[in-house]
């Protein structure tokens, strides 16, 4: 539980809860050998993706990884900033944004 609290304390910079959504800062590393959430940094979640940043393939892979990891539908996830950069802002629609924020923080536990 202490890890979740530590992640929640750091979350003020990379995770924001809104009315019906959660916004997350993502640092994408396309072309990695393994698809996974690597770690949490002050700038956001570091996510390794297999796909190269070619014609939106890495963005599509990121949405799929987040949907599976957080158990939300792909349609609930939108990249609102950074479609062509590694630094992305992702918005996830949720009926209970606080519970989703806890789930996101829990994915950063090691």
N, C-alpha and C. Protein backbone atom coordinates (compact mmCIF):
# COMPACT_ATOMS: atom_id res chain seq x y z
N UNK A 1 0.82 -1.19 0.00
CA UNK A 1 0.00 0.00 0.00
C UNK A 1 0.87 1.25 0.00
N UNK A 2 2.02 1.19 0.62
CA UNK A 2 2.90 2.34 0.68
C UNK A 2 3.35 2.75 -0.73
N UNK A 3 3.53 1.76 -1.63
CA UNK A 3 3.94 2.08 -2.99
C UNK A 3 2.85 2.85 -3.72
N UNK A 4 1.60 2.46 -3.52
CA UNK A 4 0.49 3.17 -4.15
C UNK A 4 0.42 4.60 -3.63
N UNK A 5 0.62 4.78 -2.33
CA UNK A 5 0.60 6.12 -1.75
C UNK A 5 1.74 6.96 -2.29
N UNK A 6 2.92 6.35 -2.44
CA UNK A 6 4.06 7.07 -2.99
C UNK A 6 3.78 7.48 -4.43
N UNK A 7 3.22 6.57 -5.21
CA UNK A 7 2.88 6.88 -6.59
C UNK A 7 1.80 7.96 -6.64
N UNK A 8 0.84 7.89 -5.74
CA UNK A 8 -0.22 8.90 -5.71
C UNK A 8 0.34 10.27 -5.35
N UNK A 9 1.33 10.31 -4.47
CA UNK A 9 1.94 11.58 -4.11
C UNK A 9 2.68 12.18 -5.29
N UNK A 10 3.35 11.34 -6.08
CA UNK A 10 4.06 11.80 -7.26
C UNK A 10 3.08 12.11 -8.39
N UNK A 11 1.90 11.55 -8.31
CA UNK A 11 0.92 11.64 -9.38
C UNK A 11 0.49 13.06 -9.70
N UNK A 12 0.62 13.96 -8.77
CA UNK A 12 0.17 15.34 -9.00
C UNK A 12 0.76 15.91 -10.28
N UNK A 13 1.92 15.45 -10.68
CA UNK A 13 2.57 15.99 -11.87
C UNK A 13 2.22 15.23 -13.14
N UNK A 14 1.94 13.95 -13.06
CA UNK A 14 1.73 13.15 -14.27
C UNK A 14 0.33 12.60 -14.42
N UNK A 15 -0.51 12.71 -13.40
CA UNK A 15 -1.85 12.16 -13.44
C UNK A 15 -2.83 13.17 -12.87
N UNK A 16 -3.91 13.44 -13.61
CA UNK A 16 -4.91 14.40 -13.17
C UNK A 16 -6.28 13.75 -13.30
N UNK A 17 -7.06 13.81 -12.21
CA UNK A 17 -8.45 13.33 -12.24
C UNK A 17 -9.36 14.49 -12.56
N UNK A 18 -10.28 14.26 -13.48
CA UNK A 18 -11.27 15.26 -13.82
C UNK A 18 -12.66 14.70 -13.61
N UNK A 19 -13.66 15.41 -14.07
CA UNK A 19 -15.04 14.97 -13.94
C UNK A 19 -15.34 13.96 -15.04
N UNK A 20 -15.19 12.68 -14.73
CA UNK A 20 -15.46 11.62 -15.69
C UNK A 20 -14.27 11.20 -16.53
N UNK A 21 -13.07 11.64 -16.16
CA UNK A 21 -11.89 11.24 -16.92
C UNK A 21 -10.64 11.32 -16.05
N UNK A 22 -9.58 10.66 -16.54
CA UNK A 22 -8.25 10.74 -15.96
C UNK A 22 -7.30 11.11 -17.09
N UNK A 23 -6.40 12.05 -16.85
CA UNK A 23 -5.41 12.45 -17.84
C UNK A 23 -4.04 12.00 -17.34
N UNK A 24 -3.28 11.36 -18.23
CA UNK A 24 -1.97 10.80 -17.87
C UNK A 24 -0.92 11.33 -18.84
N UNK A 25 0.23 11.68 -18.31
CA UNK A 25 1.38 12.04 -19.14
C UNK A 25 2.15 10.75 -19.43
N UNK A 26 2.49 10.53 -20.69
CA UNK A 26 3.16 9.30 -21.13
C UNK A 26 4.46 9.68 -21.85
N UNK A 27 5.50 8.94 -21.58
CA UNK A 27 6.76 9.04 -22.34
C UNK A 27 6.90 7.73 -23.10
N UNK A 28 6.63 7.74 -24.39
CA UNK A 28 6.64 6.54 -25.21
C UNK A 28 8.04 6.27 -25.75
N UNK A 29 8.41 4.99 -25.74
CA UNK A 29 9.67 4.54 -26.33
C UNK A 29 9.35 3.51 -27.40
N UNK A 30 9.07 3.97 -28.64
CA UNK A 30 8.75 3.03 -29.71
C UNK A 30 9.98 2.24 -30.16
N UNK A 31 9.74 1.08 -30.74
CA UNK A 31 10.83 0.25 -31.24
C UNK A 31 11.51 -0.58 -30.18
N UNK A 32 10.90 -0.73 -29.02
CA UNK A 32 11.49 -1.53 -27.94
C UNK A 32 11.27 -3.01 -28.22
N UNK A 33 12.06 -3.85 -27.59
CA UNK A 33 11.92 -5.28 -27.80
C UNK A 33 10.76 -5.87 -27.01
N UNK A 34 10.30 -5.16 -26.00
CA UNK A 34 9.23 -5.67 -25.15
C UNK A 34 8.19 -4.58 -24.90
N UNK A 35 6.91 -4.94 -25.01
CA UNK A 35 5.82 -3.99 -24.80
C UNK A 35 5.43 -4.02 -23.32
N UNK A 36 5.61 -2.86 -22.62
CA UNK A 36 5.28 -2.84 -21.19
C UNK A 36 5.38 -1.42 -20.64
N UNK A 37 4.79 -1.25 -19.44
CA UNK A 37 5.00 -0.02 -18.69
C UNK A 37 6.32 -0.21 -17.95
N UNK A 38 7.28 0.63 -18.24
CA UNK A 38 8.64 0.45 -17.74
C UNK A 38 8.79 0.97 -16.31
N UNK A 39 8.40 2.23 -16.11
CA UNK A 39 8.59 2.85 -14.79
C UNK A 39 7.81 4.16 -14.73
N UNK A 40 7.80 4.72 -13.55
CA UNK A 40 7.20 6.03 -13.34
C UNK A 40 8.31 7.04 -13.10
N UNK A 41 8.27 8.12 -13.84
CA UNK A 41 9.19 9.24 -13.63
C UNK A 41 8.36 10.46 -13.28
N UNK A 42 9.00 11.51 -12.85
CA UNK A 42 8.29 12.74 -12.52
C UNK A 42 7.55 13.29 -13.75
N UNK A 43 8.08 13.02 -14.95
CA UNK A 43 7.46 13.52 -16.18
C UNK A 43 6.29 12.66 -16.64
N UNK A 44 6.17 11.44 -16.13
CA UNK A 44 5.06 10.58 -16.54
C UNK A 44 5.42 9.11 -16.55
N UNK A 45 4.49 8.32 -17.05
CA UNK A 45 4.72 6.88 -17.20
C UNK A 45 5.61 6.66 -18.41
N UNK A 46 6.64 5.85 -18.24
CA UNK A 46 7.50 5.48 -19.35
C UNK A 46 6.97 4.15 -19.88
N UNK A 47 6.61 4.14 -21.17
CA UNK A 47 5.99 2.97 -21.78
C UNK A 47 6.82 2.53 -22.98
N UNK A 48 7.22 1.26 -22.99
CA UNK A 48 7.96 0.69 -24.11
C UNK A 48 6.98 0.06 -25.09
N UNK A 49 7.16 0.36 -26.38
CA UNK A 49 6.27 -0.14 -27.42
C UNK A 49 7.09 -0.83 -28.50
N UNK A 50 6.56 -1.93 -29.06
CA UNK A 50 7.25 -2.65 -30.13
C UNK A 50 7.24 -1.90 -31.45
N UNK A 51 6.12 -1.28 -31.77
CA UNK A 51 5.95 -0.63 -33.07
C UNK A 51 6.83 0.60 -33.21
N UNK A 52 7.19 0.84 -34.45
CA UNK A 52 7.90 2.07 -34.79
C UNK A 52 6.87 3.19 -34.94
N UNK A 53 7.29 4.43 -34.75
CA UNK A 53 6.34 5.55 -34.90
C UNK A 53 6.07 5.84 -36.38
N UNK A 54 5.38 4.91 -37.03
CA UNK A 54 5.12 5.01 -38.46
C UNK A 54 3.61 4.96 -38.70
N UNK A 55 3.05 6.04 -39.21
CA UNK A 55 1.63 6.13 -39.55
C UNK A 55 0.71 5.77 -38.39
N UNK A 56 1.09 6.16 -37.17
CA UNK A 56 0.23 5.97 -36.01
C UNK A 56 0.24 4.58 -35.40
N UNK A 57 1.12 3.70 -35.87
CA UNK A 57 1.16 2.33 -35.34
C UNK A 57 1.52 2.30 -33.86
N UNK A 58 2.50 3.10 -33.45
CA UNK A 58 2.90 3.13 -32.03
C UNK A 58 1.78 3.72 -31.17
N UNK A 59 1.08 4.73 -31.67
CA UNK A 59 -0.05 5.30 -30.92
C UNK A 59 -1.15 4.26 -30.74
N UNK A 60 -1.45 3.51 -31.80
CA UNK A 60 -2.46 2.47 -31.71
C UNK A 60 -2.04 1.39 -30.71
N UNK A 61 -0.77 1.03 -30.73
CA UNK A 61 -0.25 0.04 -29.79
C UNK A 61 -0.33 0.55 -28.35
N UNK A 62 -0.02 1.83 -28.15
CA UNK A 62 -0.12 2.44 -26.82
C UNK A 62 -1.54 2.37 -26.30
N UNK A 63 -2.50 2.71 -27.12
CA UNK A 63 -3.91 2.66 -26.71
C UNK A 63 -4.30 1.23 -26.35
N UNK A 64 -3.88 0.27 -27.14
CA UNK A 64 -4.18 -1.14 -26.84
C UNK A 64 -3.56 -1.61 -25.54
N UNK A 65 -2.30 -1.23 -25.31
CA UNK A 65 -1.62 -1.62 -24.07
C UNK A 65 -2.31 -1.01 -22.85
N UNK A 66 -2.65 0.26 -22.93
CA UNK A 66 -3.33 0.91 -21.81
C UNK A 66 -4.71 0.29 -21.58
N UNK A 67 -5.44 -0.01 -22.65
CA UNK A 67 -6.77 -0.61 -22.52
C UNK A 67 -6.69 -1.97 -21.82
N UNK A 68 -5.73 -2.80 -22.22
CA UNK A 68 -5.57 -4.12 -21.58
C UNK A 68 -5.12 -3.98 -20.13
N UNK A 69 -4.15 -3.13 -19.89
CA UNK A 69 -3.58 -2.98 -18.55
C UNK A 69 -4.59 -2.42 -17.56
N UNK A 70 -5.35 -1.42 -18.00
CA UNK A 70 -6.29 -0.74 -17.12
C UNK A 70 -7.71 -1.31 -17.19
N UNK A 71 -7.90 -2.27 -18.09
CA UNK A 71 -9.20 -2.93 -18.26
C UNK A 71 -10.32 -1.93 -18.57
N UNK A 72 -10.04 -1.12 -19.58
CA UNK A 72 -11.04 -0.17 -20.08
C UNK A 72 -11.15 -0.41 -21.59
N UNK A 73 -12.27 -0.03 -22.20
CA UNK A 73 -12.38 -0.19 -23.65
C UNK A 73 -11.45 0.77 -24.39
N UNK A 74 -10.97 0.35 -25.55
CA UNK A 74 -10.08 1.19 -26.36
C UNK A 74 -10.74 2.53 -26.67
N UNK A 75 -12.05 2.53 -26.84
CA UNK A 75 -12.77 3.75 -27.20
C UNK A 75 -12.77 4.78 -26.07
N UNK A 76 -12.43 4.36 -24.85
CA UNK A 76 -12.38 5.28 -23.72
C UNK A 76 -11.06 6.05 -23.67
N UNK A 77 -10.10 5.66 -24.50
CA UNK A 77 -8.76 6.25 -24.46
C UNK A 77 -8.54 7.14 -25.68
N UNK A 78 -8.07 8.37 -25.42
CA UNK A 78 -7.80 9.33 -26.48
C UNK A 78 -6.45 9.99 -26.23
N UNK A 79 -5.64 10.08 -27.25
CA UNK A 79 -4.40 10.85 -27.16
C UNK A 79 -4.76 12.29 -27.49
N UNK A 80 -4.71 13.16 -26.49
CA UNK A 80 -5.14 14.54 -26.69
C UNK A 80 -3.99 15.47 -27.06
N UNK A 81 -2.77 15.05 -26.83
CA UNK A 81 -1.61 15.86 -27.19
C UNK A 81 -0.43 14.93 -27.45
N UNK A 82 0.34 15.23 -28.48
CA UNK A 82 1.55 14.47 -28.74
C UNK A 82 1.39 13.32 -29.72
N UNK A 83 0.49 13.44 -30.67
CA UNK A 83 0.31 12.36 -31.64
C UNK A 83 1.59 12.04 -32.42
N UNK A 84 2.44 13.03 -32.61
CA UNK A 84 3.65 12.79 -33.39
C UNK A 84 4.93 12.96 -32.57
N UNK A 85 4.80 12.94 -31.24
CA UNK A 85 5.99 13.05 -30.39
C UNK A 85 5.99 11.91 -29.37
N UNK A 86 7.08 11.76 -28.67
CA UNK A 86 7.17 10.73 -27.64
C UNK A 86 6.49 11.14 -26.34
N UNK A 87 6.35 12.44 -26.13
CA UNK A 87 5.69 12.97 -24.93
C UNK A 87 4.20 13.13 -25.26
N UNK A 88 3.37 12.34 -24.60
CA UNK A 88 1.95 12.32 -24.93
C UNK A 88 1.10 12.62 -23.71
N UNK A 89 -0.06 13.19 -23.96
CA UNK A 89 -1.08 13.36 -22.94
C UNK A 89 -2.25 12.50 -23.36
N UNK A 90 -2.62 11.56 -22.49
CA UNK A 90 -3.68 10.61 -22.78
C UNK A 90 -4.84 10.84 -21.82
N UNK A 91 -6.05 10.90 -22.37
CA UNK A 91 -7.25 11.06 -21.55
C UNK A 91 -8.04 9.76 -21.61
N UNK A 92 -8.43 9.28 -20.42
CA UNK A 92 -9.20 8.04 -20.32
C UNK A 92 -10.53 8.36 -19.66
N UNK A 93 -11.61 8.12 -20.38
CA UNK A 93 -12.96 8.35 -19.84
C UNK A 93 -13.27 7.24 -18.82
N UNK A 94 -13.86 7.64 -17.69
CA UNK A 94 -14.17 6.67 -16.64
C UNK A 94 -15.34 7.15 -15.82
N UNK A 95 -16.21 6.21 -15.45
CA UNK A 95 -17.34 6.55 -14.58
C UNK A 95 -16.83 6.90 -13.18
N UNK A 96 -15.76 6.23 -12.76
CA UNK A 96 -15.16 6.47 -11.45
C UNK A 96 -13.68 6.83 -11.64
N UNK A 97 -13.37 8.11 -11.90
CA UNK A 97 -11.99 8.49 -12.20
C UNK A 97 -11.02 8.24 -11.04
N UNK A 98 -11.49 8.34 -9.80
CA UNK A 98 -10.60 8.11 -8.65
C UNK A 98 -10.16 6.65 -8.62
N UNK A 99 -11.07 5.73 -8.86
CA UNK A 99 -10.72 4.30 -8.89
C UNK A 99 -9.76 4.01 -10.04
N UNK A 100 -10.01 4.64 -11.20
CA UNK A 100 -9.10 4.45 -12.34
C UNK A 100 -7.72 5.01 -12.03
N UNK A 101 -7.66 6.16 -11.36
CA UNK A 101 -6.36 6.74 -10.98
C UNK A 101 -5.61 5.80 -10.05
N UNK A 102 -6.31 5.16 -9.14
CA UNK A 102 -5.67 4.18 -8.25
C UNK A 102 -5.13 3.00 -9.05
N UNK A 103 -5.89 2.55 -10.04
CA UNK A 103 -5.44 1.45 -10.89
C UNK A 103 -4.19 1.84 -11.66
N UNK A 104 -4.19 3.06 -12.19
CA UNK A 104 -3.01 3.54 -12.93
C UNK A 104 -1.81 3.58 -11.99
N UNK A 105 -1.99 4.13 -10.79
CA UNK A 105 -0.89 4.20 -9.82
C UNK A 105 -0.40 2.81 -9.45
N UNK A 106 -1.31 1.85 -9.37
CA UNK A 106 -0.94 0.49 -8.99
C UNK A 106 -0.11 -0.19 -10.09
N UNK A 107 -0.28 0.22 -11.36
CA UNK A 107 0.51 -0.37 -12.44
C UNK A 107 1.97 0.02 -12.35
N UNK A 108 2.27 1.05 -11.59
CA UNK A 108 3.66 1.50 -11.47
C UNK A 108 4.39 0.81 -10.33
N UNK A 109 3.69 -0.03 -9.58
CA UNK A 109 4.34 -0.77 -8.48
C UNK A 109 5.33 -1.75 -9.06
N UNK A 110 6.40 -1.96 -8.34
CA UNK A 110 7.39 -2.93 -8.79
C UNK A 110 7.66 -3.94 -7.73
